[in-house]
Amino acid sequence: MNLRDTLRGLLVRLYARRVEGHLDHAQVPKHIGVIMDGNRRWAKAAGSSTAHGHRAGADKIEEFLGWCAETDVEVVTLWLLSTDNFDRPQDELGPLLGIIEDVVRTLAADGRWRVHHVGARDLLPAAMQATLKDAEQTTADVPGIVVNVAIGYGGRQEIADAVRSMLHDARDRGVPLEDLADAVDVDMIGRHLYTKAQPDPDLVIRTSGEQRLSGFMLWQTAHAEYYFCEVFWPAFRKVDFLRALRDYAARHRRYGG
């Protein structure tokens, strides 16, 4: 690292401390959703492989969760694999699934996070399903941040699964279809989402400069704030995170009012 890079890094750290020092923890979002975008473009810019980009993105996760713990965030949802990602070439998808499985194991072994899977589990390989089940069971009593790992996740798929679950539940309880139709409301559907009993996201961060949701938590983010960051996910820094929190704290949330 040359002198210019060293000085730049020092200035960034000093700036981050300044931003953090002025952060009002009472205004910190309790649930943050993250669309971790840009692994492949980061790798391409670095002249490296796609797999290296995904590995670098995976390595960023625990650092990010550490920042969340320092600022009193309670729930984090990490979008690791969408349902659309299954259409990627097998030579990319295979290594990506392996990297994601390693992420889940690492989070579970850390001892600070309560891991919860959100997504269509039956779409995943049997080995990953077993890894997710084990992670949820071994971290069930951990008092730390709830970390939702969105794997095989799509917002439309979640809503379809919620409706299906609601119909099956009514059938099992012997509720006639007409009675169910009269009783359906947003709260009932909410109780069948992957994130049931959790608070909705207050803030959604998307890296890489893309400004779209791509189907991320369509139901839960109805009143969320969004922060779009130009940096690719593997290069996401604490100062970028603190800027997102500062921007969130400065907004006046009206919830449609």
C-alpha atoms as a PDB file:
ATOM      1  CA  MET A   1       0.000   0.000   0.000  1.00  0.00           C
ATOM      2  CA  ASN A   2       1.446   3.393  -0.986  1.00  0.00           C
ATOM      3  CA  LEU A   3       1.446   6.572   1.099  1.00  0.00           C
ATOM      4  CA  ARG A   4      -1.575   8.025  -0.697  1.00  0.00           C
ATOM      5  CA  ASP A   5      -3.697   4.941   0.049  1.00  0.00           C
ATOM      6  CA  THR A   6      -2.517   4.930   3.664  1.00  0.00           C
ATOM      7  CA  LEU A   7      -3.500   8.581   4.140  1.00  0.00           C
ATOM      8  CA  ARG A   8      -6.830   8.014   2.396  1.00  0.00           C
ATOM      9  CA  GLY A   9      -7.586   5.077   4.711  1.00  0.00           C
ATOM     10  CA  LEU A  10      -6.692   7.150   7.766  1.00  0.00           C
ATOM     11  CA  LEU A  11      -8.954   9.998   6.687  1.00  0.00           C
ATOM     12  CA  VAL A  12     -11.840   7.597   6.031  1.00  0.00           C
ATOM     13  CA  ARG A  13     -11.457   6.073   9.516  1.00  0.00           C
ATOM     14  CA  LEU A  14     -11.369   9.516  11.132  1.00  0.00           C
ATOM     15  CA  TYR A  15     -14.463  10.555   9.206  1.00  0.00           C
ATOM     16  CA  ALA A  16     -16.246   7.348  10.202  1.00  0.00           C
ATOM     17  CA  ARG A  17     -15.500   8.051  13.878  1.00  0.00           C
ATOM     18  CA  ARG A  18     -16.909  11.543  13.491  1.00  0.00           C
ATOM     19  CA  VAL A  19     -20.116  10.272  11.896  1.00  0.00           C
ATOM     20  CA  GLU A  20     -20.445   7.552  14.534  1.00  0.00           C
ATOM     21  CA  GLY A  21     -19.911  10.061  17.317  1.00  0.00           C
ATOM     22  CA  HIS A  22     -22.901  12.082  16.128  1.00  0.00           C
ATOM     23  CA  LEU A  23     -25.139   9.049  15.596  1.00  0.00           C
ATOM     24  CA  ASP A  24     -28.302   9.018  17.712  1.00  0.00           C
ATOM     25  CA  HIS A  25     -28.822   5.368  18.670  1.00  0.00           C
ATOM     26  CA  ALA A  26     -32.488   6.125  19.376  1.00  0.00           C
ATOM     27  CA  GLN A  27     -32.875   6.789  15.633  1.00  0.00           C
ATOM     28  CA  VAL A  28     -31.149   3.607  14.471  1.00  0.00           C
ATOM     29  CA  PRO A  29     -33.324   1.223  12.417  1.00  0.00           C
ATOM     30  CA  LYS A  30     -34.233  -1.933  14.333  1.00  0.00           C
ATOM     31  CA  HIS A  31     -34.450  -4.088  11.204  1.00  0.00           C
ATOM     32  CA  ILE A  32     -32.125  -3.603   8.232  1.00  0.00           C
ATOM     33  CA  GLY A  33     -32.492  -5.486   4.979  1.00  0.00           C
ATOM     34  CA  VAL A  34     -29.460  -5.728   2.709  1.00  0.00           C
ATOM     35  CA  ILE A  35     -29.384  -6.427  -1.020  1.00  0.00           C
ATOM     36  CA  MET A  36     -25.718  -7.355  -1.294  1.00  0.00           C
ATOM     37  CA  ASP A  37     -25.101  -6.536  -4.929  1.00  0.00           C
ATOM     38  CA  GLY A  38     -21.942  -6.181  -6.993  1.00  0.00           C
ATOM     39  CA  ASN A  39     -19.800  -9.221  -6.166  1.00  0.00           C
ATOM     40  CA  ARG A  40     -19.281 -10.155  -9.816  1.00  0.00           C
ATOM     41  CA  ARG A  41     -18.585  -6.595 -10.968  1.00  0.00           C
ATOM     42  CA  TRP A  42     -16.143  -6.106  -8.089  1.00  0.00           C
ATOM     43  CA  ALA A  43     -14.303  -9.249  -9.148  1.00  0.00           C
ATOM     44  CA  LYS A  44     -14.253  -8.186 -12.807  1.00  0.00           C
ATOM     45  CA  ALA A  45     -12.855  -4.773 -11.898  1.00  0.00           C
ATOM     46  CA  ALA A  46     -10.170  -6.494  -9.830  1.00  0.00           C
ATOM     47  CA  GLY A  47      -9.313  -8.873 -12.685  1.00  0.00           C
ATOM     48  CA  SER A  48     -10.395 -11.839 -10.596  1.00  0.00           C
ATOM     49  CA  SER A  49     -12.878 -14.710 -10.891  1.00  0.00           C
ATOM     50  CA  THR A  50     -16.582 -14.608 -10.164  1.00  0.00           C
ATOM     51  CA  ALA A  51     -16.101 -17.150  -7.380  1.00  0.00           C
ATOM     52  CA  HIS A  52     -13.512 -14.866  -5.771  1.00  0.00           C
ATOM     53  CA  GLY A  53     -16.035 -12.024  -5.886  1.00  0.00           C
ATOM     54  CA  HIS A  54     -18.668 -14.138  -4.152  1.00  0.00           C
ATOM     55  CA  ARG A  55     -16.124 -15.240  -1.540  1.00  0.00           C
ATOM     56  CA  ALA A  56     -15.111 -11.624  -0.880  1.00  0.00           C
ATOM     57  CA  GLY A  57     -18.780 -10.716  -0.496  1.00  0.00           C
ATOM     58  CA  ALA A  58     -19.251 -13.568   1.968  1.00  0.00           C
ATOM     59  CA  ASP A  59     -16.248 -12.410   3.979  1.00  0.00           C
ATOM     60  CA  LYS A  60     -17.836  -8.960   4.360  1.00  0.00           C
ATOM     61  CA  ILE A  61     -20.919 -10.308   6.154  1.00  0.00           C
ATOM     62  CA  GLU A  62     -19.556 -10.834   9.665  1.00  0.00           C
ATOM     63  CA  GLU A  63     -17.844  -7.456   9.561  1.00  0.00           C
ATOM     64  CA  PHE A  64     -21.158  -5.872   8.606  1.00  0.00           C
ATOM     65  CA  LEU A  65     -23.002  -7.680  11.401  1.00  0.00           C
ATOM     66  CA  GLY A  66     -20.387  -6.421  13.841  1.00  0.00           C
ATOM     67  CA  TRP A  67     -21.213  -2.857  12.820  1.00  0.00           C
ATOM     68  CA  CYS A  68     -24.900  -3.601  13.316  1.00  0.00           C
ATOM     69  CA  ALA A  69     -24.239  -4.961  16.810  1.00  0.00           C
ATOM     70  CA  GLU A  70     -22.305  -1.807  17.710  1.00  0.00           C
ATOM     71  CA  THR A  71     -25.264   0.378  16.735  1.00  0.00           C
ATOM     72  CA  ASP A  72     -28.064  -1.608  18.417  1.00  0.00           C
ATOM     73  CA  VAL A  73     -29.697  -3.059  15.302  1.00  0.00           C
ATOM     74  CA  GLU A  74     -31.895  -6.019  16.300  1.00  0.00           C
ATOM     75  CA  VAL A  75     -32.723  -7.811  13.020  1.00  0.00           C
ATOM     76  CA  VAL A  76     -30.757  -8.057   9.770  1.00  0.00           C
ATOM     77  CA  THR A  77     -31.993  -9.720   6.591  1.00  0.00           C
ATOM     78  CA  LEU A  78     -29.228 -10.671   4.151  1.00  0.00           C
ATOM     79  CA  TRP A  79     -30.278 -11.541   0.608  1.00  0.00           C
ATOM     80  CA  LEU A  80     -27.796 -14.249  -0.309  1.00  0.00           C
ATOM     81  CA  LEU A  81     -29.568 -16.056  -3.158  1.00  0.00           C
ATOM     82  CA  SER A  82     -32.709 -15.155  -5.081  1.00  0.00           C
ATOM     83  CA  THR A  83     -35.018 -17.560  -6.854  1.00  0.00           C
ATOM     84  CA  ASP A  84     -33.857 -15.913 -10.105  1.00  0.00           C
ATOM     85  CA  ASN A  85     -30.248 -16.862  -9.312  1.00  0.00           C
ATOM     86  CA  PHE A  86     -31.078 -20.504 -10.018  1.00  0.00           C
ATOM     87  CA  ASP A  87     -31.009 -19.557 -13.710  1.00  0.00           C
ATOM     88  CA  ARG A  88     -27.271 -18.798 -13.557  1.00  0.00           C
ATOM     89  CA  PRO A  89     -24.823 -21.160 -15.301  1.00  0.00           C
ATOM     90  CA  GLN A  90     -24.041 -24.242 -13.238  1.00  0.00           C
ATOM     91  CA  ASP A  91     -20.319 -23.457 -13.195  1.00  0.00           C
ATOM     92  CA  GLU A  92     -21.186 -20.290 -11.243  1.00  0.00           C
ATOM     93  CA  LEU A  93     -24.188 -21.544  -9.277  1.00  0.00           C
ATOM     94  CA  GLY A  94     -22.423 -24.613  -7.859  1.00  0.00           C
ATOM     95  CA  PRO A  95     -19.540 -22.700  -6.213  1.00  0.00           C
ATOM     96  CA  LEU A  96     -21.964 -19.963  -5.087  1.00  0.00           C
ATOM     97  CA  LEU A  97     -24.139 -22.490  -3.253  1.00  0.00           C
ATOM     98  CA  GLY A  98     -21.047 -23.863  -1.544  1.00  0.00           C
ATOM     99  CA  ILE A  99     -19.959 -20.383  -0.451  1.00  0.00           C
ATOM    100  CA  ILE A 100     -23.427 -19.618   0.911  1.00  0.00           C
ATOM    101  CA  GLU A 101     -23.489 -22.875   2.850  1.00  0.00           C
ATOM    102  CA  ASP A 102     -20.128 -21.918   4.383  1.00  0.00           C
ATOM    103  CA  VAL A 103     -21.605 -18.529   5.344  1.00  0.00           C
ATOM    104  CA  VAL A 104     -24.465 -20.198   7.203  1.00  0.00           C
ATOM    105  CA  ARG A 105     -22.080 -22.489   9.077  1.00  0.00           C
ATOM    106  CA  THR A 106     -19.834 -19.570  10.007  1.00  0.00           C
ATOM    107  CA  LEU A 107     -22.735 -17.484  11.294  1.00  0.00           C
ATOM    108  CA  ALA A 108     -24.020 -20.378  13.383  1.00  0.00           C
ATOM    109  CA  ALA A 109     -20.573 -21.121  14.831  1.00  0.00           C
ATOM    110  CA  ASP A 110     -19.909 -17.483  15.714  1.00  0.00           C
ATOM    111  CA  GLY A 111     -22.145 -17.588  18.786  1.00  0.00           C
ATOM    112  CA  ARG A 112     -23.425 -14.003  18.463  1.00  0.00           C
ATOM    113  CA  TRP A 113     -26.243 -14.382  15.937  1.00  0.00           C
ATOM    114  CA  ARG A 114     -29.613 -16.142  15.865  1.00  0.00           C
ATOM    115  CA  VAL A 115     -29.874 -17.569  12.366  1.00  0.00           C
ATOM    116  CA  HIS A 116     -33.242 -17.827  10.628  1.00  0.00           C
ATOM    117  CA  HIS A 117     -33.826 -18.937   7.053  1.00  0.00           C
ATOM    118  CA  VAL A 118     -36.240 -17.044   4.824  1.00  0.00           C
ATOM    119  CA  GLY A 119     -36.974 -18.522   1.435  1.00  0.00           C
ATOM    120  CA  ALA A 120     -38.346 -21.576  -0.326  1.00  0.00           C
ATOM    121  CA  ARG A 121     -36.333 -24.299   1.400  1.00  0.00           C
ATOM    122  CA  ASP A 122     -37.603 -27.064  -0.871  1.00  0.00           C
ATOM    123  CA  LEU A 123     -35.830 -25.397  -3.833  1.00  0.00           C
ATOM    124  CA  LEU A 124     -32.443 -25.879  -2.166  1.00  0.00           C
ATOM    125  CA  PRO A 125     -30.123 -28.902  -2.283  1.00  0.00           C
ATOM    126  CA  ALA A 126     -30.659 -31.402   0.531  1.00  0.00           C
ATOM    127  CA  ALA A 127     -27.256 -30.649   2.080  1.00  0.00           C
ATOM    128  CA  MET A 128     -28.031 -26.944   2.334  1.00  0.00           C
ATOM    129  CA  GLN A 129     -31.461 -27.650   3.786  1.00  0.00           C
ATOM    130  CA  ALA A 130     -29.787 -29.716   6.502  1.00  0.00           C
ATOM    131  CA  THR A 131     -27.224 -26.965   7.149  1.00  0.00           C
ATOM    132  CA  LEU A 132     -29.971 -24.365   7.535  1.00  0.00           C
ATOM    133  CA  LYS A 133     -31.974 -26.569   9.884  1.00  0.00           C
ATOM    134  CA  ASP A 134     -28.916 -27.220  12.035  1.00  0.00           C
ATOM    135  CA  ALA A 135     -28.012 -23.508  12.125  1.00  0.00           C
ATOM    136  CA  GLU A 136     -31.507 -22.549  13.244  1.00  0.00           C
ATOM    137  CA  GLN A 137     -31.578 -25.209  15.957  1.00  0.00           C
ATOM    138  CA  THR A 138     -28.107 -24.494  17.359  1.00  0.00           C
ATOM    139  CA  THR A 139     -28.658 -20.714  17.518  1.00  0.00           C
ATOM    140  CA  ALA A 140     -32.297 -20.727  18.656  1.00  0.00           C
ATOM    141  CA  ASP A 141     -31.426 -19.471  22.157  1.00  0.00           C
ATOM    142  CA  VAL A 142     -28.736 -16.968  21.172  1.00  0.00           C
ATOM    143  CA  PRO A 143     -29.742 -13.515  22.501  1.00  0.00           C
ATOM    144  CA  GLY A 144     -27.955 -11.552  19.755  1.00  0.00           C
ATOM    145  CA  ILE A 145     -29.109 -10.109  16.453  1.00  0.00           C
ATOM    146  CA  VAL A 146     -31.609 -12.160  14.479  1.00  0.00           C
ATOM    147  CA  VAL A 147     -29.931 -12.791  11.133  1.00  0.00           C
ATOM    148  CA  ASN A 148     -32.367 -13.750   8.399  1.00  0.00           C
ATOM    149  CA  VAL A 149     -30.478 -15.531   5.627  1.00  0.00           C
ATOM    150  CA  ALA A 150     -32.587 -15.073   2.498  1.00  0.00           C
ATOM    151  CA  ILE A 151     -31.617 -18.075   0.395  1.00  0.00           C
ATOM    152  CA  GLY A 152     -33.813 -19.242  -2.466  1.00  0.00           C
ATOM    153  CA  TYR A 153     -35.822 -16.103  -1.757  1.00  0.00           C
ATOM    154  CA  GLY A 154     -38.181 -14.142  -3.970  1.00  0.00           C
ATOM    155  CA  GLY A 155     -40.759 -11.611  -2.817  1.00  0.00           C
ATOM    156  CA  ARG A 156     -43.525 -12.940  -5.057  1.00  0.00           C
ATOM    157  CA  GLN A 157     -42.676 -16.498  -4.047  1.00  0.00           C
ATOM    158  CA  GLU A 158     -42.979 -15.524  -0.383  1.00  0.00           C
ATOM    159  CA  ILE A 159     -46.435 -14.045  -0.853  1.00  0.00           C
ATOM    160  CA  ALA A 160     -47.567 -17.102  -2.829  1.00  0.00           C
ATOM    161  CA  ASP A 161     -46.206 -19.377  -0.083  1.00  0.00           C
ATOM    162  CA  ALA A 162     -47.956 -17.285   2.577  1.00  0.00           C
ATOM    163  CA  VAL A 163     -51.311 -17.620   0.826  1.00  0.00           C
ATOM    164  CA  ARG A 164     -50.758 -21.351   0.372  1.00  0.00           C
ATOM    165  CA  SER A 165     -49.876 -21.726   4.057  1.00  0.00           C
ATOM    166  CA  MET A 166     -52.960 -19.758   5.041  1.00  0.00           C
ATOM    167  CA  LEU A 167     -55.207 -21.999   2.929  1.00  0.00           C
ATOM    168  CA  HIS A 168     -53.654 -25.185   4.313  1.00  0.00           C
ATOM    169  CA  ASP A 169     -54.034 -23.892   7.866  1.00  0.00           C
ATOM    170  CA  ALA A 170     -57.714 -23.114   7.289  1.00  0.00           C
ATOM    171  CA  ARG A 171     -58.269 -26.549   5.783  1.00  0.00           C
ATOM    172  CA  ASP A 172     -56.577 -28.256   8.734  1.00  0.00           C
ATOM    173  CA  ARG A 173     -58.808 -26.324  11.129  1.00  0.00           C
ATOM    174  CA  GLY A 174     -61.926 -27.151   9.149  1.00  0.00           C
ATOM    175  CA  VAL A 175     -62.648 -23.531   8.219  1.00  0.00           C
ATOM    176  CA  PRO A 176     -64.979 -23.252   5.195  1.00  0.00           C
ATOM    177  CA  LEU A 177     -63.531 -21.348   2.240  1.00  0.00           C
ATOM    178  CA  GLU A 178     -66.255 -18.686   2.404  1.00  0.00           C
ATOM    179  CA  ASP A 179     -65.503 -18.021   6.083  1.00  0.00           C
ATOM    180  CA  LEU A 180     -61.806 -17.773   5.292  1.00  0.00           C
ATOM    181  CA  ALA A 181     -62.471 -15.309   2.478  1.00  0.00           C
ATOM    182  CA  ASP A 182     -64.431 -13.095   4.872  1.00  0.00           C
ATOM    183  CA  ALA A 183     -61.664 -13.254   7.494  1.00  0.00           C
ATOM    184  CA  VAL A 184     -58.624 -12.550   5.295  1.00  0.00           C
ATOM    185  CA  ASP A 185     -56.812  -9.317   6.098  1.00  0.00           C
ATOM    186  CA  VAL A 186     -53.246  -8.051   5.983  1.00  0.00           C
ATOM    187  CA  ASP A 187     -52.513  -9.273   9.507  1.00  0.00           C
ATOM    188  CA  MET A 188     -53.591 -12.808   8.656  1.00  0.00           C
ATOM    189  CA  ILE A 189     -51.342 -12.901   5.596  1.00  0.00           C
ATOM    190  CA  GLY A 190     -48.508 -11.409   7.655  1.00  0.00           C
ATOM    191  CA  ARG A 191     -48.715 -14.290  10.099  1.00  0.00           C
ATOM    192  CA  HIS A 192     -47.826 -16.689   7.288  1.00  0.00           C
ATOM    193  CA  LEU A 193     -44.815 -14.849   5.877  1.00  0.00           C
ATOM    194  CA  TYR A 194     -41.270 -16.177   6.265  1.00  0.00           C
ATOM    195  CA  THR A 195     -40.633 -13.339   8.745  1.00  0.00           C
ATOM    196  CA  LYS A 196     -43.752 -13.790  10.856  1.00  0.00           C
ATOM    197  CA  ALA A 197     -43.453 -12.352  14.388  1.00  0.00           C
ATOM    198  CA  GLN A 198     -40.574 -10.119  13.287  1.00  0.00           C
ATOM    199  CA  PRO A 199     -40.701  -6.338  12.829  1.00  0.00           C
ATOM    200  CA  ASP A 200     -40.792  -5.153   9.230  1.00  0.00           C
ATOM    201  CA  PRO A 201     -37.553  -3.660   7.849  1.00  0.00           C
ATOM    202  CA  ASP A 202     -37.066   0.016   8.660  1.00  0.00           C
ATOM    203  CA  LEU A 203     -34.195   0.436   6.209  1.00  0.00           C
ATOM    204  CA  VAL A 204     -33.143  -1.417   3.071  1.00  0.00           C
ATOM    205  CA  ILE A 205     -29.594  -0.933   1.816  1.00  0.00           C
ATOM    206  CA  ARG A 206     -28.650  -1.890  -1.737  1.00  0.00           C
ATOM    207  CA  THR A 207     -25.057  -1.691  -2.877  1.00  0.00           C
ATOM    208  CA  SER A 208     -23.516  -1.386  -6.380  1.00  0.00           C
ATOM    209  CA  GLY A 209     -25.528   1.642  -7.522  1.00  0.00           C
ATOM    210  CA  GLU A 210     -28.595  -0.261  -8.717  1.00  0.00           C
ATOM    211  CA  GLN A 211     -31.819   1.462  -7.666  1.00  0.00           C
ATOM    212  CA  ARG A 212     -34.467  -1.240  -7.659  1.00  0.00           C
ATOM    213  CA  LEU A 213     -35.829  -3.818  -5.206  1.00  0.00           C
ATOM    214  CA  SER A 214     -35.689  -6.828  -7.538  1.00  0.00           C
ATOM    215  CA  GLY A 215     -38.482  -8.425  -5.482  1.00  0.00           C
ATOM    216  CA  PHE A 216     -36.840  -8.065  -2.071  1.00  0.00           C
ATOM    217  CA  MET A 217     -39.369  -8.352   0.787  1.00  0.00           C
ATOM    218  CA  LEU A 218     -42.172  -6.836  -1.268  1.00  0.00           C
ATOM    219  CA  TRP A 219     -44.762  -7.182   1.497  1.00  0.00           C
ATOM    220  CA  GLN A 220     -42.619  -6.152   4.469  1.00  0.00           C
ATOM    221  CA  THR A 221     -40.978  -3.079   2.917  1.00  0.00           C
ATOM    222  CA  ALA A 222     -44.195  -1.159   2.235  1.00  0.00           C
ATOM    223  CA  HIS A 223     -43.081   1.600   4.636  1.00  0.00           C
ATOM    224  CA  ALA A 224     -39.324   1.013   4.624  1.00  0.00           C
ATOM    225  CA  GLU A 225     -36.742   3.638   3.779  1.00  0.00           C
ATOM    226  CA  TYR A 226     -34.229   2.841   1.042  1.00  0.00           C
ATOM    227  CA  TYR A 227     -30.557   3.695   0.758  1.00  0.00           C
ATOM    228  CA  PHE A 228     -28.759   3.046  -2.521  1.00  0.00           C
ATOM    229  CA  CYS A 229     -24.983   2.979  -2.285  1.00  0.00           C
ATOM    230  CA  GLU A 230     -22.643   3.175  -5.300  1.00  0.00           C
ATOM    231  CA  VAL A 231     -19.969   0.894  -3.834  1.00  0.00           C
ATOM    232  CA  PHE A 232     -19.884  -2.826  -4.648  1.00  0.00           C
ATOM    233  CA  TRP A 233     -20.718  -5.094  -1.696  1.00  0.00           C
ATOM    234  CA  PRO A 234     -17.201  -6.544  -1.121  1.00  0.00           C
ATOM    235  CA  ALA A 235     -15.882  -2.962  -0.866  1.00  0.00           C
ATOM    236  CA  PHE A 236     -18.653  -1.746   1.467  1.00  0.00           C
ATOM    237  CA  ARG A 237     -17.046   0.072   4.418  1.00  0.00           C
ATOM    238  CA  LYS A 238     -18.124   1.038   7.896  1.00  0.00           C
ATOM    239  CA  VAL A 239     -18.280   4.658   6.784  1.00  0.00           C
ATOM    240  CA  ASP A 240     -20.770   3.646   4.057  1.00  0.00           C
ATOM    241  CA  PHE A 241     -22.870   1.889   6.688  1.00  0.00           C
ATOM    242  CA  LEU A 242     -22.779   4.900   9.013  1.00  0.00           C
ATOM    243  CA  ARG A 243     -23.774   7.204   6.174  1.00  0.00           C
ATOM    244  CA  ALA A 244     -26.799   4.997   5.540  1.00  0.00           C
ATOM    245  CA  LEU A 245     -27.785   5.237   9.224  1.00  0.00           C
ATOM    246  CA  ARG A 246     -27.257   8.997   9.241  1.00  0.00           C
ATOM    247  CA  ASP A 247     -29.368   9.386   6.116  1.00  0.00           C
ATOM    248  CA  TYR A 248     -32.102   7.223   7.659  1.00  0.00           C
ATOM    249  CA  ALA A 249     -32.106   9.225  10.902  1.00  0.00           C
ATOM    250  CA  ALA A 250     -32.550  12.470   8.958  1.00  0.00           C
ATOM    251  CA  ARG A 251     -35.728  11.296   7.236  1.00  0.00           C
ATOM    252  CA  HIS A 252     -39.220  11.912   8.545  1.00  0.00           C
ATOM    253  CA  ARG A 253     -41.188   8.685   8.280  1.00  0.00           C
ATOM    254  CA  ARG A 254     -44.860   9.392   7.610  1.00  0.00           C
ATOM    255  CA  TYR A 255     -46.159   5.843   7.045  1.00  0.00           C
ATOM    256  CA  GLY A 256     -48.557   7.160   4.422  1.00  0.00           C
ATOM    257  CA  GLY A 257     -49.896   9.926   6.678  1.00  0.00           C
END
